[in-house]
Amino acid sequence: MSAGVHRLWKSAFLDMLRPRPDQTLLDVGGGTGDIAFGWRKRGGGPVTVCDINREMLSVGRDRAVDRNLVGGLTWVCGNAEDLPIPDRSVDRYTIAFCLRNVTHWDKAIAEAYRVLRPGGRFMCLEFSRVIVPGLREAYDAYSFNVLPKVGGMVTGNAEAYQYLVESIRKFPPQEEMAAMVEAAGFSRVEVRNLSAGIAAIHSGWRI
């Protein structure tokens, strides 16, 4: 439904992440493996993929086998609000198109801070608020009136696309999300808008 633009967003996300072989990554809500695979292909170190959905983890494992990317990947079933990961044990934490589905966003961000080592980086890729007047109204009209109908015709599950739209609207705008990241203790908090704010990358460092 994004006409492939979501792949460009994930590529930009990985560009900012700058994978290195001496760094470990925890990718939360990443059951399909997209971020983990990109991290490994770009030379990043070991990855732990944590997802609350066992079926999604199974999909990710199968995709890893298909891509011959089994090494350096660990798959863990767990809740973003209560990660089964030790304190200060990872160098990078990512969560892509998942945080808005978490019940308590602040708890998930606090958990990210807990598991990161000092010097570690938190990065979140999520749908956000369009910042260009005129485009915002057009995007809203498309989201509420077109997206669920087309999604329903393609997949037979219009309710899922209606939930997608509603969950995006309930998620905090860029400034509120940045304030939440700062409140968790992160420093040098930044926001990078993608496609005029349809999506945004939130970043912070544990100093």
N, C-alpha and C. Protein backbone atom coordinates (compact mmCIF):
# COMPACT_ATOMS: atom_id res chain seq x y z
N MET A 1 0.82 -1.21 0.00
CA MET A 1 0.00 0.00 0.00
C MET A 1 0.86 1.27 0.00
N SER A 2 2.14 1.15 0.34
CA SER A 2 3.04 2.31 0.33
C SER A 2 3.73 2.47 -1.01
N ALA A 3 3.41 1.60 -1.98
CA ALA A 3 4.05 1.62 -3.31
C ALA A 3 5.56 1.41 -3.19
N GLY A 4 5.95 0.68 -2.15
CA GLY A 4 7.37 0.36 -1.97
C GLY A 4 8.17 1.39 -1.21
N VAL A 5 7.54 2.53 -0.85
CA VAL A 5 8.28 3.58 -0.16
C VAL A 5 8.77 3.12 1.20
N HIS A 6 8.05 2.20 1.85
CA HIS A 6 8.48 1.72 3.17
C HIS A 6 9.86 1.08 3.11
N ARG A 7 10.23 0.52 1.96
CA ARG A 7 11.56 -0.05 1.81
C ARG A 7 12.63 1.04 1.83
N LEU A 8 12.30 2.18 1.22
CA LEU A 8 13.23 3.31 1.24
C LEU A 8 13.37 3.85 2.66
N TRP A 9 12.26 3.87 3.40
CA TRP A 9 12.33 4.32 4.79
C TRP A 9 13.24 3.41 5.61
N LYS A 10 13.10 2.11 5.43
CA LYS A 10 13.93 1.17 6.18
C LYS A 10 15.39 1.29 5.78
N SER A 11 15.65 1.57 4.50
CA SER A 11 17.02 1.76 4.05
C SER A 11 17.63 3.02 4.69
N ALA A 12 16.85 4.09 4.77
CA ALA A 12 17.32 5.31 5.43
C ALA A 12 17.56 5.06 6.92
N PHE A 13 16.71 4.26 7.52
CA PHE A 13 16.85 3.88 8.93
C PHE A 13 18.18 3.16 9.15
N LEU A 14 18.50 2.21 8.29
CA LEU A 14 19.75 1.47 8.40
C LEU A 14 20.96 2.36 8.11
N ASP A 15 20.79 3.32 7.20
CA ASP A 15 21.87 4.27 6.94
C ASP A 15 22.23 5.03 8.21
N MET A 16 21.21 5.48 8.96
CA MET A 16 21.45 6.20 10.21
C MET A 16 22.02 5.29 11.28
N LEU A 17 21.64 4.03 11.24
CA LEU A 17 22.08 3.07 12.25
C LEU A 17 23.57 2.77 12.14
N ARG A 18 24.09 2.78 10.91
CA ARG A 18 25.52 2.56 10.65
C ARG A 18 26.03 1.28 11.31
N PRO A 19 25.61 0.13 10.84
CA PRO A 19 26.03 -1.14 11.44
C PRO A 19 27.55 -1.32 11.45
N ARG A 20 28.04 -1.90 12.54
CA ARG A 20 29.46 -2.23 12.67
C ARG A 20 29.60 -3.63 13.23
N PRO A 21 30.65 -4.34 12.84
CA PRO A 21 30.81 -5.73 13.29
C PRO A 21 31.05 -5.89 14.78
N ASP A 22 31.51 -4.83 15.44
CA ASP A 22 31.79 -4.92 16.88
C ASP A 22 30.59 -4.49 17.73
N GLN A 23 29.43 -4.31 17.09
CA GLN A 23 28.24 -3.88 17.82
C GLN A 23 27.16 -4.97 17.78
N THR A 24 26.41 -5.06 18.87
CA THR A 24 25.26 -5.98 18.93
C THR A 24 23.97 -5.18 18.79
N LEU A 25 22.98 -5.81 18.19
CA LEU A 25 21.70 -5.16 17.97
C LEU A 25 20.57 -5.97 18.59
N LEU A 26 19.65 -5.26 19.24
CA LEU A 26 18.38 -5.84 19.66
C LEU A 26 17.30 -5.18 18.82
N ASP A 27 16.62 -5.97 17.99
CA ASP A 27 15.54 -5.47 17.16
C ASP A 27 14.22 -5.96 17.74
N VAL A 28 13.42 -5.04 18.25
CA VAL A 28 12.18 -5.37 18.95
C VAL A 28 11.00 -5.23 17.99
N GLY A 29 10.12 -6.23 18.02
CA GLY A 29 8.98 -6.23 17.12
C GLY A 29 9.39 -6.50 15.69
N GLY A 30 10.54 -7.11 15.51
CA GLY A 30 11.10 -7.32 14.17
C GLY A 30 10.98 -8.73 13.67
N GLY A 31 9.85 -9.37 13.96
CA GLY A 31 9.69 -10.78 13.62
C GLY A 31 9.90 -11.14 12.17
N THR A 32 9.61 -10.22 11.24
CA THR A 32 9.80 -10.53 9.82
C THR A 32 11.28 -10.52 9.43
N GLY A 33 12.12 -9.90 10.26
CA GLY A 33 13.55 -9.94 10.03
C GLY A 33 14.13 -8.84 9.17
N ASP A 34 13.32 -7.92 8.66
CA ASP A 34 13.82 -6.92 7.71
C ASP A 34 15.00 -6.12 8.24
N ILE A 35 14.87 -5.55 9.43
CA ILE A 35 15.95 -4.73 9.99
C ILE A 35 17.15 -5.59 10.35
N ALA A 36 16.90 -6.76 10.92
CA ALA A 36 18.00 -7.67 11.28
C ALA A 36 18.80 -8.09 10.06
N PHE A 37 18.10 -8.44 8.98
CA PHE A 37 18.79 -8.85 7.75
C PHE A 37 19.61 -7.70 7.19
N GLY A 38 19.02 -6.50 7.18
CA GLY A 38 19.74 -5.34 6.67
C GLY A 38 20.97 -5.02 7.49
N TRP A 39 20.84 -5.15 8.81
CA TRP A 39 21.98 -4.93 9.71
C TRP A 39 23.10 -5.91 9.41
N ARG A 40 22.78 -7.18 9.27
CA ARG A 40 23.80 -8.19 9.02
C ARG A 40 24.44 -8.02 7.63
N LYS A 41 23.62 -7.72 6.64
CA LYS A 41 24.15 -7.54 5.29
C LYS A 41 25.09 -6.35 5.20
N ARG A 42 24.88 -5.36 6.05
CA ARG A 42 25.72 -4.16 6.05
C ARG A 42 26.91 -4.28 6.99
N GLY A 43 27.14 -5.48 7.50
CA GLY A 43 28.33 -5.72 8.30
C GLY A 43 28.17 -5.61 9.79
N GLY A 44 26.92 -5.53 10.28
CA GLY A 44 26.68 -5.45 11.71
C GLY A 44 26.96 -6.75 12.44
N GLY A 45 27.15 -6.66 13.74
CA GLY A 45 27.44 -7.83 14.57
C GLY A 45 26.20 -8.65 14.87
N PRO A 46 26.26 -9.47 15.91
CA PRO A 46 25.13 -10.36 16.25
C PRO A 46 23.84 -9.59 16.54
N VAL A 47 22.72 -10.20 16.15
CA VAL A 47 21.40 -9.58 16.33
C VAL A 47 20.50 -10.51 17.14
N THR A 48 19.78 -9.93 18.08
CA THR A 48 18.69 -10.62 18.74
C THR A 48 17.38 -9.99 18.26
N VAL A 49 16.53 -10.79 17.67
CA VAL A 49 15.21 -10.32 17.23
C VAL A 49 14.20 -10.75 18.28
N CYS A 50 13.51 -9.77 18.85
CA CYS A 50 12.52 -10.05 19.90
C CYS A 50 11.14 -9.63 19.41
N ASP A 51 10.20 -10.56 19.46
CA ASP A 51 8.83 -10.27 19.01
C ASP A 51 7.87 -11.02 19.91
N ILE A 52 6.73 -10.40 20.21
CA ILE A 52 5.74 -11.04 21.08
C ILE A 52 4.95 -12.11 20.35
N ASN A 53 5.01 -12.09 19.02
CA ASN A 53 4.22 -12.99 18.18
C ASN A 53 5.09 -14.15 17.68
N ARG A 54 4.82 -15.35 18.18
CA ARG A 54 5.63 -16.52 17.80
C ARG A 54 5.50 -16.85 16.31
N GLU A 55 4.31 -16.60 15.76
CA GLU A 55 4.12 -16.88 14.34
C GLU A 55 4.99 -15.97 13.48
N MET A 56 5.11 -14.72 13.86
CA MET A 56 5.97 -13.80 13.13
C MET A 56 7.43 -14.22 13.23
N LEU A 57 7.84 -14.67 14.40
CA LEU A 57 9.21 -15.15 14.57
C LEU A 57 9.47 -16.35 13.66
N SER A 58 8.48 -17.21 13.52
CA SER A 58 8.63 -18.37 12.64
C SER A 58 8.80 -17.93 11.19
N VAL A 59 8.04 -16.91 10.79
CA VAL A 59 8.19 -16.35 9.45
C VAL A 59 9.59 -15.80 9.25
N GLY A 60 10.07 -15.07 10.26
CA GLY A 60 11.41 -14.49 10.17
C GLY A 60 12.50 -15.55 10.05
N ARG A 61 12.38 -16.60 10.84
CA ARG A 61 13.37 -17.69 10.76
C ARG A 61 13.38 -18.31 9.37
N ASP A 62 12.19 -18.56 8.82
CA ASP A 62 12.11 -19.14 7.48
C ASP A 62 12.74 -18.21 6.44
N ARG A 63 12.50 -16.93 6.58
CA ARG A 63 13.09 -15.96 5.64
C ARG A 63 14.60 -15.94 5.77
N ALA A 64 15.10 -16.08 7.01
CA ALA A 64 16.54 -16.10 7.22
C ALA A 64 17.18 -17.30 6.53
N VAL A 65 16.52 -18.45 6.64
CA VAL A 65 17.03 -19.66 5.97
C VAL A 65 17.03 -19.46 4.46
N ASP A 66 15.96 -18.89 3.93
CA ASP A 66 15.87 -18.65 2.49
C ASP A 66 16.97 -17.73 2.00
N ARG A 67 17.42 -16.81 2.86
CA ARG A 67 18.45 -15.85 2.47
C ARG A 67 19.85 -16.27 2.90
N ASN A 68 19.96 -17.47 3.46
CA ASN A 68 21.24 -17.98 3.96
C ASN A 68 21.86 -17.00 4.96
N LEU A 69 21.01 -16.51 5.88
CA LEU A 69 21.45 -15.55 6.89
C LEU A 69 21.21 -16.09 8.30
N VAL A 70 21.48 -17.36 8.49
CA VAL A 70 21.20 -17.99 9.78
C VAL A 70 22.19 -17.55 10.85
N GLY A 71 23.46 -17.43 10.50
CA GLY A 71 24.48 -17.09 11.48
C GLY A 71 24.32 -15.69 12.04
N GLY A 72 24.57 -15.56 13.33
CA GLY A 72 24.53 -14.25 13.96
C GLY A 72 23.14 -13.75 14.30
N LEU A 73 22.14 -14.60 14.19
CA LEU A 73 20.76 -14.22 14.48
C LEU A 73 20.19 -15.09 15.60
N THR A 74 19.59 -14.45 16.59
CA THR A 74 18.91 -15.14 17.68
C THR A 74 17.47 -14.64 17.72
N TRP A 75 16.53 -15.56 17.85
CA TRP A 75 15.10 -15.22 17.83
C TRP A 75 14.50 -15.48 19.21
N VAL A 76 13.90 -14.45 19.80
CA VAL A 76 13.39 -14.52 21.16
C VAL A 76 11.95 -14.02 21.20
N CYS A 77 11.07 -14.75 21.86
CA CYS A 77 9.69 -14.31 22.05
C CYS A 77 9.63 -13.49 23.34
N GLY A 78 9.18 -12.26 23.23
CA GLY A 78 9.13 -11.42 24.41
C GLY A 78 8.33 -10.15 24.18
N ASN A 79 7.97 -9.49 25.28
CA ASN A 79 7.15 -8.29 25.28
C ASN A 79 8.04 -7.06 25.34
N ALA A 80 7.79 -6.08 24.48
CA ALA A 80 8.59 -4.85 24.45
C ALA A 80 8.56 -4.11 25.78
N GLU A 81 7.50 -4.31 26.57
CA GLU A 81 7.39 -3.63 27.85
C GLU A 81 8.10 -4.37 28.98
N ASP A 82 8.55 -5.58 28.73
CA ASP A 82 9.23 -6.39 29.75
C ASP A 82 10.18 -7.34 29.02
N LEU A 83 11.25 -6.79 28.49
CA LEU A 83 12.16 -7.55 27.63
C LEU A 83 12.92 -8.63 28.40
N PRO A 84 13.03 -9.83 27.82
CA PRO A 84 13.82 -10.89 28.44
C PRO A 84 15.30 -10.74 28.10
N ILE A 85 15.81 -9.54 28.31
CA ILE A 85 17.18 -9.18 27.94
C ILE A 85 17.85 -8.55 29.16
N PRO A 86 19.12 -8.93 29.46
CA PRO A 86 19.80 -8.36 30.63
C PRO A 86 20.05 -6.85 30.52
N ASP A 87 20.23 -6.21 31.66
CA ASP A 87 20.57 -4.79 31.70
C ASP A 87 21.88 -4.54 30.97
N ARG A 88 21.95 -3.40 30.30
CA ARG A 88 23.18 -2.91 29.69
C ARG A 88 23.92 -3.98 28.89
N SER A 89 23.19 -4.64 28.00
CA SER A 89 23.78 -5.80 27.30
C SER A 89 23.86 -5.65 25.79
N VAL A 90 23.28 -4.57 25.21
CA VAL A 90 23.31 -4.41 23.75
C VAL A 90 23.79 -3.01 23.40
N ASP A 91 24.32 -2.88 22.18
CA ASP A 91 24.85 -1.60 21.72
C ASP A 91 23.83 -0.76 20.98
N ARG A 92 22.91 -1.42 20.30
CA ARG A 92 21.90 -0.71 19.53
C ARG A 92 20.54 -1.37 19.75
N TYR A 93 19.51 -0.53 19.85
CA TYR A 93 18.13 -0.99 20.02
C TYR A 93 17.32 -0.38 18.89
N THR A 94 16.61 -1.21 18.15
CA THR A 94 15.73 -0.71 17.10
C THR A 94 14.32 -1.24 17.28
N ILE A 95 13.36 -0.43 16.84
CA ILE A 95 11.97 -0.85 16.82
C ILE A 95 11.33 -0.14 15.62
N ALA A 96 10.88 -0.91 14.64
CA ALA A 96 10.39 -0.34 13.39
C ALA A 96 8.94 -0.73 13.14
N PHE A 97 8.08 0.26 13.05
CA PHE A 97 6.65 0.08 12.80
C PHE A 97 6.03 -0.90 13.80
N CYS A 98 6.42 -0.74 15.05
CA CYS A 98 5.90 -1.63 16.10
C CYS A 98 5.50 -0.85 17.35
N LEU A 99 6.20 0.23 17.67
CA LEU A 99 5.96 0.91 18.94
C LEU A 99 4.51 1.36 19.09
N ARG A 100 3.87 1.78 18.00
CA ARG A 100 2.49 2.25 18.12
C ARG A 100 1.54 1.12 18.52
N ASN A 101 1.96 -0.15 18.35
CA ASN A 101 1.13 -1.28 18.73
C ASN A 101 1.34 -1.71 20.19
N VAL A 102 2.31 -1.10 20.85
CA VAL A 102 2.58 -1.40 22.26
C VAL A 102 1.59 -0.64 23.13
N THR A 103 1.12 -1.27 24.17
CA THR A 103 0.10 -0.64 25.03
C THR A 103 0.64 0.59 25.73
N HIS A 104 1.83 0.47 26.33
CA HIS A 104 2.42 1.59 27.08
C HIS A 104 3.74 1.97 26.41
N TRP A 105 3.71 3.01 25.60
CA TRP A 105 4.90 3.42 24.85
C TRP A 105 6.05 3.78 25.79
N ASP A 106 5.74 4.47 26.88
CA ASP A 106 6.79 4.91 27.80
C ASP A 106 7.51 3.73 28.44
N LYS A 107 6.78 2.65 28.73
CA LYS A 107 7.41 1.47 29.32
C LYS A 107 8.37 0.82 28.32
N ALA A 108 7.97 0.76 27.06
CA ALA A 108 8.83 0.16 26.04
C ALA A 108 10.11 0.98 25.87
N ILE A 109 9.99 2.30 25.89
CA ILE A 109 11.17 3.15 25.74
C ILE A 109 12.08 3.03 26.97
N ALA A 110 11.47 2.93 28.15
CA ALA A 110 12.26 2.73 29.37
C ALA A 110 13.02 1.40 29.32
N GLU A 111 12.39 0.38 28.77
CA GLU A 111 13.07 -0.91 28.62
C GLU A 111 14.24 -0.81 27.65
N ALA A 112 14.06 -0.01 26.60
CA ALA A 112 15.16 0.21 25.66
C ALA A 112 16.35 0.82 26.39
N TYR A 113 16.08 1.81 27.23
CA TYR A 113 17.15 2.44 28.00
C TYR A 113 17.83 1.44 28.92
N ARG A 114 17.04 0.59 29.54
CA ARG A 114 17.60 -0.40 30.48
C ARG A 114 18.57 -1.36 29.82
N VAL A 115 18.22 -1.87 28.64
CA VAL A 115 19.04 -2.93 28.02
C VAL A 115 20.23 -2.37 27.26
N LEU A 116 20.26 -1.07 26.98
CA LEU A 116 21.38 -0.49 26.25
C LEU A 116 22.57 -0.23 27.15
N ARG A 117 23.76 -0.49 26.62
CA ARG A 117 24.98 -0.13 27.31
C ARG A 117 25.17 1.39 27.25
N PRO A 118 25.93 1.96 28.19
CA PRO A 118 26.30 3.38 28.05
C PRO A 118 27.00 3.58 26.70
N GLY A 119 26.58 4.60 25.99
CA GLY A 119 27.07 4.81 24.63
C GLY A 119 26.20 4.14 23.59
N GLY A 120 25.16 3.43 24.03
CA GLY A 120 24.26 2.75 23.12
C GLY A 120 23.23 3.70 22.52
N ARG A 121 22.64 3.26 21.42
CA ARG A 121 21.71 4.13 20.69
C ARG A 121 20.33 3.49 20.53
N PHE A 122 19.31 4.28 20.80
CA PHE A 122 17.91 3.89 20.58
C PHE A 122 17.47 4.49 19.26
N MET A 123 16.82 3.67 18.40
CA MET A 123 16.27 4.18 17.15
C MET A 123 14.91 3.57 16.89
N CYS A 124 13.96 4.42 16.57
CA CYS A 124 12.58 4.00 16.31
C CYS A 124 12.13 4.55 14.97
N LEU A 125 11.63 3.68 14.11
CA LEU A 125 11.02 4.08 12.85
C LEU A 125 9.52 3.84 12.98
N GLU A 126 8.75 4.90 12.80
CA GLU A 126 7.31 4.76 13.00
C GLU A 126 6.55 5.77 12.14
N PHE A 127 5.30 5.42 11.83
CA PHE A 127 4.43 6.39 11.17
C PHE A 127 4.26 7.60 12.09
N SER A 128 4.12 8.78 11.46
CA SER A 128 4.05 9.99 12.27
C SER A 128 3.03 10.96 11.68
N ARG A 129 3.23 12.26 11.89
CA ARG A 129 2.28 13.28 11.45
C ARG A 129 2.85 14.07 10.27
N VAL A 130 2.08 14.18 9.21
CA VAL A 130 2.50 14.95 8.04
C VAL A 130 2.67 16.41 8.44
N ILE A 131 3.78 17.01 8.03
CA ILE A 131 4.10 18.37 8.47
C ILE A 131 3.83 19.43 7.40
N VAL A 132 3.40 19.01 6.22
CA VAL A 132 3.16 19.95 5.12
C VAL A 132 1.65 20.23 5.01
N PRO A 133 1.23 21.48 5.23
CA PRO A 133 -0.19 21.82 5.08
C PRO A 133 -0.68 21.49 3.67
N GLY A 134 -1.89 21.05 3.56
CA GLY A 134 -2.43 20.65 2.26
C GLY A 134 -2.19 19.18 2.03
N LEU A 135 -0.92 18.77 2.13
CA LEU A 135 -0.61 17.35 1.99
C LEU A 135 -1.20 16.57 3.16
N ARG A 136 -1.22 17.19 4.34
CA ARG A 136 -1.78 16.52 5.52
C ARG A 136 -3.24 16.14 5.30
N GLU A 137 -4.02 17.07 4.76
CA GLU A 137 -5.43 16.81 4.53
C GLU A 137 -5.64 15.73 3.45
N ALA A 138 -4.81 15.80 2.41
CA ALA A 138 -4.91 14.80 1.35
C ALA A 138 -4.54 13.41 1.86
N TYR A 139 -3.51 13.35 2.70
CA TYR A 139 -3.08 12.08 3.26
C TYR A 139 -4.14 11.50 4.19
N ASP A 140 -4.77 12.36 4.99
CA ASP A 140 -5.84 11.90 5.88
C ASP A 140 -7.01 11.33 5.07
N ALA A 141 -7.36 12.03 4.01
CA ALA A 141 -8.47 11.57 3.17
C ALA A 141 -8.15 10.22 2.55
N TYR A 142 -6.92 10.06 2.08
CA TYR A 142 -6.50 8.78 1.51
C TYR A 142 -6.53 7.69 2.57
N SER A 143 -6.00 8.01 3.75
CA SER A 143 -5.87 7.01 4.82
C SER A 143 -7.23 6.48 5.26
N PHE A 144 -8.19 7.38 5.47
CA PHE A 144 -9.47 6.97 6.03
C PHE A 144 -10.46 6.48 4.98
N ASN A 145 -10.37 7.02 3.78
CA ASN A 145 -11.39 6.70 2.78
C ASN A 145 -10.96 5.69 1.73
N VAL A 146 -9.66 5.63 1.45
CA VAL A 146 -9.17 4.77 0.37
C VAL A 146 -8.44 3.54 0.90
N LEU A 147 -7.53 3.75 1.83
CA LEU A 147 -6.67 2.66 2.30
C LEU A 147 -7.43 1.44 2.80
N PRO A 148 -8.41 1.58 3.70
CA PRO A 148 -9.13 0.38 4.18
C PRO A 148 -9.87 -0.35 3.07
N LYS A 149 -10.45 0.41 2.13
CA LYS A 149 -11.21 -0.22 1.05
C LYS A 149 -10.30 -1.00 0.11
N VAL A 150 -9.19 -0.37 -0.30
CA VAL A 150 -8.26 -1.05 -1.21
C VAL A 150 -7.60 -2.23 -0.50
N GLY A 151 -7.21 -2.01 0.76
CA GLY A 151 -6.61 -3.10 1.53
C GLY A 151 -7.56 -4.27 1.67
N GLY A 152 -8.83 -3.97 1.87
CA GLY A 152 -9.83 -5.03 1.98
C GLY A 152 -10.00 -5.80 0.68
N MET A 153 -9.96 -5.09 -0.44
CA MET A 153 -10.09 -5.77 -1.74
C MET A 153 -8.89 -6.65 -2.03
N VAL A 154 -7.70 -6.19 -1.64
CA VAL A 154 -6.48 -6.94 -1.94
C VAL A 154 -6.30 -8.13 -1.01
N THR A 155 -6.57 -7.92 0.28
CA THR A 155 -6.28 -8.96 1.28
C THR A 155 -7.52 -9.62 1.85
N GLY A 156 -8.69 -8.99 1.66
CA GLY A 156 -9.91 -9.52 2.28
C GLY A 156 -10.03 -9.18 3.74
N ASN A 157 -9.18 -8.24 4.23
CA ASN A 157 -9.19 -7.90 5.65
C ASN A 157 -9.14 -6.38 5.80
N ALA A 158 -10.26 -5.74 5.52
CA ALA A 158 -10.33 -4.28 5.62
C ALA A 158 -10.14 -3.81 7.06
N GLU A 159 -10.55 -4.63 8.03
CA GLU A 159 -10.43 -4.24 9.45
C GLU A 159 -8.99 -3.99 9.84
N ALA A 160 -8.07 -4.79 9.30
CA ALA A 160 -6.66 -4.61 9.63
C ALA A 160 -6.15 -3.26 9.17
N TYR A 161 -6.60 -2.83 8.00
CA TYR A 161 -6.17 -1.54 7.48
C TYR A 161 -6.86 -0.39 8.20
N GLN A 162 -8.06 -0.60 8.65
CA GLN A 162 -8.73 0.41 9.46
C GLN A 162 -8.00 0.58 10.79
N TYR A 163 -7.57 -0.54 11.37
CA TYR A 163 -6.78 -0.47 12.60
C TYR A 163 -5.47 0.26 12.36
N LEU A 164 -4.83 -0.02 11.21
CA LEU A 164 -3.57 0.64 10.88
C LEU A 164 -3.74 2.15 10.90
N VAL A 165 -4.77 2.64 10.24
CA VAL A 165 -5.02 4.08 10.17
C VAL A 165 -5.28 4.64 11.57
N GLU A 166 -6.12 3.96 12.33
CA GLU A 166 -6.47 4.46 13.66
C GLU A 166 -5.27 4.45 14.60
N SER A 167 -4.44 3.42 14.52
CA SER A 167 -3.27 3.35 15.39
C SER A 167 -2.26 4.44 15.05
N ILE A 168 -2.16 4.80 13.78
CA ILE A 168 -1.27 5.89 13.37
C ILE A 168 -1.75 7.20 13.97
N ARG A 169 -3.06 7.44 13.91
CA ARG A 169 -3.61 8.70 14.41
C ARG A 169 -3.47 8.82 15.93
N LYS A 170 -3.49 7.70 16.63
CA LYS A 170 -3.37 7.74 18.09
C LYS A 170 -1.93 7.91 18.55
N PHE A 171 -0.97 7.62 17.68
CA PHE A 171 0.43 7.69 18.07
C PHE A 171 0.87 9.15 18.22
N PRO A 172 1.73 9.44 19.20
CA PRO A 172 2.12 10.84 19.44
C PRO A 172 2.81 11.48 18.23
N PRO A 173 2.58 12.77 18.00
CA PRO A 173 3.32 13.47 16.96
C PRO A 173 4.80 13.58 17.32
N GLN A 174 5.58 14.06 16.38
CA GLN A 174 7.03 14.06 16.53
C GLN A 174 7.52 14.69 17.83
N GLU A 175 7.01 15.86 18.16
CA GLU A 175 7.50 16.57 19.34
C GLU A 175 7.19 15.81 20.63
N GLU A 176 5.99 15.25 20.72
CA GLU A 176 5.62 14.50 21.92
C GLU A 176 6.43 13.22 22.06
N MET A 177 6.67 12.56 20.93
CA MET A 177 7.48 11.35 20.97
C MET A 177 8.91 11.66 21.40
N ALA A 178 9.47 12.74 20.88
CA ALA A 178 10.83 13.14 21.26
C ALA A 178 10.90 13.44 22.76
N ALA A 179 9.88 14.10 23.29
CA ALA A 179 9.84 14.39 24.72
C ALA A 179 9.78 13.11 25.54
N MET A 180 9.06 12.10 25.04
CA MET A 180 8.97 10.83 25.73
C MET A 180 10.32 10.12 25.77
N VAL A 181 11.07 10.21 24.68
CA VAL A 181 12.39 9.59 24.61
C VAL A 181 13.34 10.29 25.59
N GLU A 182 13.26 11.61 25.65
CA GLU A 182 14.08 12.36 26.60
C GLU A 182 13.71 12.03 28.04
N ALA A 183 12.42 11.88 28.31
CA ALA A 183 11.96 11.57 29.67
C ALA A 183 12.47 10.22 30.14
N ALA A 184 12.74 9.32 29.21
CA ALA A 184 13.27 8.00 29.58
C ALA A 184 14.74 8.06 29.96
N GLY A 185 15.39 9.20 29.71
CA GLY A 185 16.78 9.36 30.08
C GLY A 185 17.75 9.51 28.92
N PHE A 186 17.24 9.43 27.69
CA PHE A 186 18.12 9.50 26.54
C PHE A 186 18.59 10.93 26.29
N SER A 187 19.80 11.04 25.73
CA SER A 187 20.40 12.33 25.40
C SER A 187 20.51 12.47 23.88
N ARG A 188 20.79 13.68 23.43
CA ARG A 188 20.97 13.97 22.01
C ARG A 188 19.81 13.38 21.18
N VAL A 189 18.62 13.64 21.63
CA VAL A 189 17.42 13.12 20.96
C VAL A 189 17.19 13.89 19.67
N GLU A 190 16.95 13.15 18.58
CA GLU A 190 16.74 13.75 17.28
C GLU A 190 15.51 13.13 16.60
N VAL A 191 14.91 13.89 15.69
CA VAL A 191 13.81 13.40 14.87
C VAL A 191 14.14 13.70 13.41
N ARG A 192 14.02 12.70 12.56
CA ARG A 192 14.19 12.89 11.12
C ARG A 192 12.90 12.52 10.42
N ASN A 193 12.26 13.48 9.80
CA ASN A 193 11.03 13.20 9.07
C ASN A 193 11.31 12.55 7.73
N LEU A 194 10.49 11.60 7.35
CA LEU A 194 10.58 10.93 6.07
C LEU A 194 9.28 11.17 5.30
N SER A 195 9.41 11.47 4.01
CA SER A 195 8.22 11.71 3.17
C SER A 195 7.27 12.72 3.82
N ALA A 196 7.85 13.86 4.20
CA ALA A 196 7.08 14.98 4.77
C ALA A 196 6.41 14.63 6.09
N GLY A 197 6.97 13.64 6.80
CA GLY A 197 6.42 13.29 8.11
C GLY A 197 5.44 12.14 8.11
N ILE A 198 5.22 11.51 6.96
CA ILE A 198 4.37 10.31 6.96
C ILE A 198 4.98 9.27 7.89
N ALA A 199 6.30 9.22 7.89
CA ALA A 199 7.04 8.40 8.86
C ALA A 199 8.15 9.26 9.44
N ALA A 200 8.70 8.82 10.56
CA ALA A 200 9.78 9.56 11.19
C ALA A 200 10.72 8.60 11.91
N ILE A 201 11.98 9.00 11.97
CA ILE A 201 12.99 8.24 12.72
C ILE A 201 13.29 9.03 13.99
N HIS A 202 13.13 8.37 15.13
CA HIS A 202 13.46 8.96 16.42
C HIS A 202 14.74 8.31 16.95
N SER A 203 15.65 9.12 17.41
CA SER A 203 16.95 8.61 17.85
C SER A 203 17.35 9.24 19.17
N GLY A 204 18.00 8.44 20.02
CA GLY A 204 18.52 8.96 21.28
C GLY A 204 19.69 8.09 21.74
N TRP A 205 20.54 8.67 22.56
CA TRP A 205 21.75 7.97 23.04
C TRP A 205 21.67 7.79 24.55
N ARG A 206 22.12 6.62 25.02
CA ARG A 206 22.29 6.43 26.46
C ARG A 206 23.73 6.82 26.79
N ILE A 207 23.87 7.93 27.49
CA ILE A 207 25.20 8.46 27.82
C ILE A 207 25.67 7.90 29.15
